């Protein structure tokens, strides 16, 4: 739950970026946090203050007491471990924890790079797009999405233990793929999973504004 409390965790945030991931985790956990909105168009992510938080001027950045950290997946995992009562990660050493790591790294190594290519070309004028690069990226996304069909055909979440931070990271990539028209030929199980994750109240709160 977003708050203005000075002693709450603080998340530096830009809408429709990877900062949505830790915000979604925070909303699932129901813990108080302060949302520090930055406007890249006003240069707020390139200010000296923010560059001291993140050397590349990116978001998200999380401040929790004396801790300051960046990278969305690292923040998500930190929060899931800090608040075990939220049950967003199976216990350390359990097979479910290993599979959570597997799917999280799958998302950022197999899905994200290809989605970045598609997104980059999508922002360019049509004359400047590379059809071969786009076709290759779409095929990479297709193969990665197809790999999700088997587990999602068996159960509603990636892990047998239930909803987890792995679902947040993977679903965030699938939302991105959907926005780029890269889920059109996905199996029904994946499309239904994507819609189901998008309907979670915490996800709705995290993306409402």
Foldseek 3Di string as FASTA:
>chain_A
DEDPDPQFKEKEDEAPDLSLLLLLLCLLLVGYYHYHYDDVVVVRLVDPVNCVLPVVSDDTWMDHPPDIDGDSVVSSVVSCVVCVVSVQADDPPDPRNVVLVVLLVLCVPQQVVLLVLLVVQVPDDPVPHDVVSVVVSLVSNQVSLQVQCVCLVVDLDNGPVDHHSSLSNNLSSVVSCVVSVSCVPHDPSSVVSNVVVCPPPSSCVSNVD
